[in-house]
Amino acid sequence: MSEILPRKPVALDYLLLLLLGAILGSNFMMTKISVQFLPPMFVVSFRLAIAAIMLVVLMKAAGLSFPKGPVWISLIAAGVIGLTIPFSLLSWAQQRVDAGLAAILMATMPLFTLLLAQVFTKDEKPNRYSLGGFAIALVGVIILFGPGKLAGLADQTVRQYAVVGAALCYGLNAIITKKFTGMDWRQSTASLLVAAFICSLPLLLFSDLTALQAPVHVWVATVYTGVVPTAIGSIIIILIIRRTSASFLSQINFLVPLYGVAFAILFVDEALPADGALALAIILCGVALARRRPKRNFISINKGV
């Protein structure tokens, strides 16, 4: 079978990228609405259940079934690290952390991906751009936290650390999911969501399931997080990669925090965090620098022949 080479993006691809940025950016706002009334761990299991059902139906409609064998070890690991844990950390954190602030902190995710790839894979090697980009982004995070709060364990600070922990999980998951390149995307995505949902169920032991009375708009927001960012967002991610490349998709890291902050300000009346615009600009500059690749010194193999 011939390899499908990435093609030049067209207008539709950019529209899909903008749509995906809006979808993923809206997740912070909707999660914030949900966890103000519903237990965070219940919100996690609920959204995973909805997304898993949707992707399993899609998988079955394509005539596919769940994989068998040792691959489930990697699927469970990816489901837990890439979905269950970060969803739980974000949902718990956003009980106190504003949606806009969470979106800005999540902008650090691609930096963790780059650093972890340099440690755990042979694809990336440390260079002045990746290290410099991480250092610049770290300055942005320090500004956002406030230098005096970094070593503190106040509730707000700990929850901000939880958001950064979620970004770290997403970065690690990007390394793990490379193992599934040989699987059909519907099969792998449905399996990941089912594994993540099952692993989220024990977390319900820490939730007060008697406190599930909430206004209609809260249930709408909770269903939205499962249907749109989790299920439809996953499908659009695959669609963009199949139409273009993973490199083109990586530009989403610049859009999501911008959408997240904009939605929080426009729709839930949040104020931009103090120094938030400066911190976001510095973090995104760090991400942009880290994505650069050093020039290679080419040596002619015909020299001396």
Protein backbone atom coordinates (compact mmCIF):
# COMPACT_ATOMS: atom_id res chain seq x y z
CA MET A 1 0.00 0.00 0.00
CA SER A 2 1.46 3.35 -1.02
CA GLU A 3 2.07 5.98 1.64
CA ILE A 4 -0.28 8.97 1.68
CA LEU A 5 1.90 12.07 1.69
CA PRO A 6 0.78 15.27 3.43
CA ARG A 7 -0.66 17.81 1.01
CA LYS A 8 -0.74 21.57 1.09
CA PRO A 9 -3.61 22.85 3.27
CA VAL A 10 -6.51 24.53 1.49
CA ALA A 11 -9.18 26.94 2.76
CA LEU A 12 -11.34 24.11 4.15
CA ASP A 13 -8.44 22.85 6.26
CA TYR A 14 -7.96 26.27 7.84
CA LEU A 15 -11.69 26.50 8.50
CA LEU A 16 -11.58 23.08 10.20
CA LEU A 17 -8.60 24.23 12.28
CA LEU A 18 -10.46 27.37 13.39
CA LEU A 19 -13.56 25.29 14.17
CA LEU A 20 -11.50 22.83 16.21
CA GLY A 21 -9.86 25.68 18.11
CA ALA A 22 -13.29 27.05 19.01
CA ILE A 23 -14.56 23.60 20.03
CA LEU A 24 -11.59 22.81 22.28
CA GLY A 25 -11.43 26.35 23.63
CA SER A 26 -15.11 26.23 24.60
CA ASN A 27 -14.44 23.20 26.81
CA PHE A 28 -12.97 25.35 29.60
CA MET A 29 -16.09 27.52 29.79
CA MET A 30 -18.50 24.58 29.69
CA THR A 31 -16.55 22.62 32.28
CA LYS A 32 -16.55 25.66 34.55
CA ILE A 33 -20.34 25.84 34.29
CA SER A 34 -20.72 22.11 34.99
CA VAL A 35 -18.51 21.83 38.07
CA GLN A 36 -20.15 24.78 39.80
CA PHE A 37 -23.19 22.54 40.41
CA LEU A 38 -22.15 18.92 39.74
CA PRO A 39 -19.38 16.84 41.39
CA PRO A 40 -16.22 17.08 39.24
CA MET A 41 -15.65 13.32 39.08
CA PHE A 42 -19.24 12.76 38.00
CA VAL A 43 -18.75 15.31 35.20
CA VAL A 44 -15.65 13.39 34.05
CA SER A 45 -17.40 10.00 33.92
CA PHE A 46 -20.52 11.47 32.33
CA ARG A 47 -18.68 13.17 29.45
CA LEU A 48 -16.50 10.10 28.85
CA ALA A 49 -19.59 7.86 28.75
CA ILE A 50 -21.30 10.07 26.15
CA ALA A 51 -18.21 10.30 23.96
CA ALA A 52 -17.51 6.55 24.27
CA ILE A 53 -21.05 5.66 23.17
CA MET A 54 -20.79 7.96 20.15
CA LEU A 55 -17.43 6.57 19.01
CA VAL A 56 -18.41 2.93 19.61
CA VAL A 57 -21.50 3.45 17.43
CA LEU A 58 -19.28 5.00 14.75
CA MET A 59 -16.82 2.10 15.01
CA LYS A 60 -19.58 -0.51 14.72
CA ALA A 61 -21.15 1.34 11.78
CA ALA A 62 -17.82 0.95 9.98
CA GLY A 63 -17.92 -2.81 10.60
CA LEU A 64 -15.06 -2.73 13.07
CA SER A 65 -14.68 -4.28 16.51
CA PHE A 66 -12.52 -3.71 19.57
CA PRO A 67 -8.88 -4.84 19.26
CA LYS A 68 -7.65 -7.88 21.15
CA GLY A 69 -4.47 -8.77 22.91
CA PRO A 70 -1.66 -6.88 24.68
CA VAL A 71 -2.46 -3.63 22.85
CA TRP A 72 -5.05 -3.04 25.59
CA ILE A 73 -2.22 -2.35 28.04
CA SER A 74 -1.19 0.66 25.97
CA LEU A 75 -4.83 1.61 25.34
CA ILE A 76 -5.63 1.64 29.05
CA ALA A 77 -2.45 3.61 29.81
CA ALA A 78 -3.29 6.17 27.12
CA GLY A 79 -6.91 6.35 28.22
CA VAL A 80 -5.97 6.98 31.83
CA ILE A 81 -3.07 9.36 31.19
CA GLY A 82 -4.61 11.19 28.24
CA LEU A 83 -8.25 11.37 29.32
CA THR A 84 -9.21 10.21 32.82
CA ILE A 85 -6.46 11.95 34.79
CA PRO A 86 -6.33 15.29 32.91
CA PHE A 87 -10.15 15.51 32.75
CA SER A 88 -10.25 14.89 36.50
CA LEU A 89 -7.53 17.43 37.27
CA LEU A 90 -9.17 20.09 35.09
CA SER A 91 -12.65 19.49 36.45
CA TRP A 92 -11.46 19.63 40.06
CA ALA A 93 -9.29 22.69 39.41
CA GLN A 94 -12.03 24.62 37.65
CA GLN A 95 -14.19 24.60 40.73
CA ARG A 96 -11.99 27.52 41.81
CA VAL A 97 -9.83 28.39 38.79
CA ASP A 98 -11.38 30.63 36.13
CA ALA A 99 -11.89 29.18 32.66
CA GLY A 100 -9.66 31.81 31.07
CA LEU A 101 -6.80 31.14 33.48
CA ALA A 102 -7.11 27.38 32.88
CA ALA A 103 -6.95 27.95 29.10
CA ILE A 104 -3.76 30.01 29.45
CA LEU A 105 -2.06 27.41 31.67
CA MET A 106 -3.00 24.64 29.23
CA ALA A 107 -1.02 26.49 26.54
CA THR A 108 2.08 24.84 28.08
CA MET A 109 1.00 21.41 26.79
CA PRO A 110 3.02 21.40 23.52
CA LEU A 111 6.16 22.26 25.48
CA PHE A 112 5.72 19.18 27.65
CA THR A 113 5.18 17.14 24.48
CA LEU A 114 8.46 18.38 23.01
CA LEU A 115 10.45 17.79 26.19
CA LEU A 116 9.00 14.33 26.79
CA ALA A 117 9.63 13.36 23.16
CA GLN A 118 13.28 14.25 23.63
CA VAL A 119 13.48 11.95 26.66
CA PHE A 120 11.38 8.97 25.54
CA THR A 121 11.75 8.88 21.75
CA LYS A 122 14.51 9.07 19.18
CA ASP A 123 12.55 11.50 17.01
CA GLU A 124 13.52 14.64 18.91
CA LYS A 125 16.82 15.72 20.40
CA PRO A 126 17.33 18.61 22.83
CA ASN A 127 18.35 21.81 21.05
CA ARG A 128 18.69 25.49 21.85
CA TYR A 129 15.22 26.25 20.49
CA SER A 130 13.30 23.68 22.54
CA LEU A 131 15.17 24.49 25.73
CA GLY A 132 14.97 28.22 25.16
CA GLY A 133 11.26 28.00 24.33
CA PHE A 134 10.57 26.09 27.53
CA ALA A 135 12.50 28.66 29.57
CA ILE A 136 10.55 31.54 28.01
CA ALA A 137 7.21 29.82 28.59
CA LEU A 138 8.21 29.16 32.19
CA VAL A 139 8.60 32.91 32.66
CA GLY A 140 5.01 33.32 31.43
CA VAL A 141 3.77 30.73 33.91
CA ILE A 142 5.64 32.43 36.77
CA ILE A 143 4.03 35.75 35.85
CA LEU A 144 0.62 34.08 35.77
CA PHE A 145 1.02 32.39 39.14
CA GLY A 146 2.73 35.32 40.78
CA PRO A 147 6.34 34.70 41.91
CA GLY A 148 5.36 34.79 45.57
CA LYS A 149 2.81 32.00 45.17
CA LEU A 150 4.90 29.38 43.35
CA ALA A 151 6.08 27.68 46.54
CA GLY A 152 2.77 28.08 48.34
CA LEU A 153 0.12 25.44 48.93
CA ALA A 154 -2.92 27.69 49.02
CA ASP A 155 -6.02 26.12 47.51
CA GLN A 156 -5.99 28.36 44.43
CA THR A 157 -2.29 27.70 43.77
CA VAL A 158 -2.65 23.93 44.13
CA ARG A 159 -5.53 23.95 41.67
CA GLN A 160 -3.46 25.94 39.20
CA TYR A 161 -0.74 23.32 39.55
CA ALA A 162 -3.43 20.72 38.76
CA VAL A 163 -4.10 22.43 35.42
CA VAL A 164 -0.37 22.33 34.61
CA GLY A 165 -0.44 18.64 35.63
CA ALA A 166 -3.23 18.07 33.12
CA ALA A 167 -1.09 19.72 30.42
CA LEU A 168 1.77 17.38 31.37
CA CYS A 169 -0.56 14.37 31.01
CA TYR A 170 -1.65 15.50 27.56
CA GLY A 171 1.99 15.88 26.55
CA LEU A 172 2.84 12.37 27.77
CA ASN A 173 -0.21 10.96 26.03
CA ALA A 174 1.00 12.38 22.70
CA ILE A 175 4.04 10.10 23.07
CA ILE A 176 2.04 7.00 24.06
CA THR A 177 -0.51 7.26 21.23
CA LYS A 178 2.24 6.83 18.64
CA LYS A 179 1.85 3.11 19.34
CA PHE A 180 -1.59 3.12 17.69
CA THR A 181 -0.57 4.29 14.23
CA GLY A 182 -1.41 0.87 12.76
CA MET A 183 -4.98 0.83 14.09
CA ASP A 184 -8.05 2.28 12.42
CA TRP A 185 -8.74 5.68 14.02
CA ARG A 186 -12.33 4.76 14.89
CA GLN A 187 -11.14 1.59 16.58
CA SER A 188 -8.38 3.28 18.58
CA THR A 189 -10.46 6.32 19.59
CA ALA A 190 -13.47 4.24 20.69
CA SER A 191 -11.18 1.90 22.65
CA LEU A 192 -9.40 4.79 24.37
CA LEU A 193 -12.68 6.38 25.43
CA VAL A 194 -14.12 3.10 26.72
CA ALA A 195 -10.93 2.40 28.69
CA ALA A 196 -10.92 5.94 30.10
CA PHE A 197 -14.58 5.71 31.10
CA ILE A 198 -14.16 2.39 32.90
CA CYS A 199 -11.09 3.70 34.74
CA SER A 200 -13.02 6.82 35.78
CA LEU A 201 -15.72 4.85 37.58
CA PRO A 202 -13.72 4.33 40.83
CA LEU A 203 -13.43 8.12 41.08
CA LEU A 204 -17.17 8.27 41.65
CA LEU A 205 -16.50 6.85 45.12
CA PHE A 206 -15.14 10.31 45.97
CA SER A 207 -18.25 12.08 44.69
CA ASP A 208 -21.49 12.94 46.42
CA LEU A 209 -23.88 11.39 43.91
CA THR A 210 -26.86 12.66 45.88
CA ALA A 211 -25.93 16.20 44.79
CA LEU A 212 -26.95 15.85 41.14
CA GLN A 213 -29.71 18.47 41.13
CA ALA A 214 -28.66 21.23 38.79
CA PRO A 215 -30.35 23.74 36.46
CA VAL A 216 -31.05 22.70 32.88
CA HIS A 217 -28.27 24.87 31.47
CA VAL A 218 -25.74 22.99 33.62
CA TRP A 219 -26.83 19.63 32.20
CA VAL A 220 -26.69 21.11 28.71
CA ALA A 221 -23.12 22.25 29.36
CA THR A 222 -22.17 18.82 30.73
CA VAL A 223 -23.64 16.96 27.76
CA TYR A 224 -21.88 19.45 25.49
CA THR A 225 -18.46 18.57 26.95
CA GLY A 226 -19.02 14.93 26.04
CA VAL A 227 -20.55 15.41 22.60
CA VAL A 228 -18.59 18.34 21.20
CA PRO A 229 -15.03 18.71 22.61
CA THR A 230 -14.57 15.03 23.49
CA ALA A 231 -16.31 13.13 20.66
CA ILE A 232 -16.66 15.54 17.73
CA GLY A 233 -13.35 17.21 18.60
CA SER A 234 -11.58 13.83 18.39
CA ILE A 235 -13.11 13.18 14.98
CA ILE A 236 -12.07 16.58 13.60
CA ILE A 237 -8.53 16.06 14.89
CA ILE A 238 -8.26 12.82 12.92
CA LEU A 239 -9.87 14.43 9.86
CA ILE A 240 -7.36 17.29 9.84
CA ILE A 241 -4.40 14.93 10.21
CA ARG A 242 -5.67 12.71 7.36
CA ARG A 243 -6.25 15.74 5.11
CA THR A 244 -2.98 17.51 5.92
CA SER A 245 -0.47 16.52 8.60
CA ALA A 246 0.16 16.43 12.34
CA SER A 247 2.44 19.44 11.91
CA PHE A 248 -0.44 21.49 10.48
CA LEU A 249 -2.67 20.35 13.36
CA SER A 250 -0.08 21.49 15.91
CA GLN A 251 -1.04 25.10 15.17
CA ILE A 252 -4.15 24.40 17.24
CA ASN A 253 -1.98 24.98 20.32
CA PHE A 254 -1.98 28.70 19.54
CA LEU A 255 -5.74 28.89 18.94
CA VAL A 256 -7.16 26.97 21.92
CA PRO A 257 -5.96 29.32 24.69
CA LEU A 258 -7.06 32.37 22.68
CA TYR A 259 -10.55 30.93 22.19
CA GLY A 260 -10.65 29.78 25.81
CA VAL A 261 -9.89 33.26 27.14
CA ALA A 262 -12.26 34.96 24.69
CA PHE A 263 -15.19 32.66 25.54
CA ALA A 264 -14.61 33.10 29.27
CA ILE A 265 -14.66 36.88 28.95
CA LEU A 266 -17.60 37.06 26.54
CA PHE A 267 -19.97 34.42 27.90
CA VAL A 268 -19.26 33.89 31.61
CA ASP A 269 -18.24 37.44 32.48
CA GLU A 270 -14.75 36.53 33.65
CA ALA A 271 -12.10 39.21 33.86
CA LEU A 272 -8.76 38.52 32.21
CA PRO A 273 -6.34 37.46 34.99
CA ALA A 274 -3.87 40.06 36.16
CA ASP A 275 -0.98 40.07 33.69
CA GLY A 276 -2.90 37.33 31.82
CA ALA A 277 -2.44 38.83 28.35
CA LEU A 278 1.31 39.29 28.96
CA ALA A 279 1.68 35.75 30.35
CA LEU A 280 -0.22 34.22 27.41
CA ALA A 281 1.87 36.16 24.88
CA ILE A 282 5.11 35.00 26.54
CA ILE A 283 3.96 31.36 26.74
CA LEU A 284 2.92 31.32 23.06
CA CYS A 285 6.26 32.90 22.08
CA GLY A 286 7.98 30.10 23.96
CA VAL A 287 5.87 27.51 22.14
CA ALA A 288 6.67 29.11 18.78
CA LEU A 289 10.41 29.12 19.53
CA ALA A 290 10.36 25.51 20.78
CA ARG A 291 8.77 24.36 17.53
CA ARG A 292 11.68 25.71 15.47
CA ARG A 293 14.22 23.27 14.16
CA PRO A 294 17.94 24.02 14.01
CA LYS A 295 19.53 24.21 10.59
CA ARG A 296 21.40 21.08 9.63
CA ASN A 297 24.93 21.11 8.28
CA PHE A 298 24.79 18.99 5.16
CA ILE A 299 27.95 17.14 4.14
CA SER A 300 28.15 15.85 0.61
CA ILE A 301 28.38 12.09 0.51
CA ASN A 302 30.23 12.34 -2.81
CA LYS A 303 33.12 14.34 -1.34
CA GLY A 304 36.41 12.79 -2.33
CA VAL A 305 34.83 10.41 -4.84
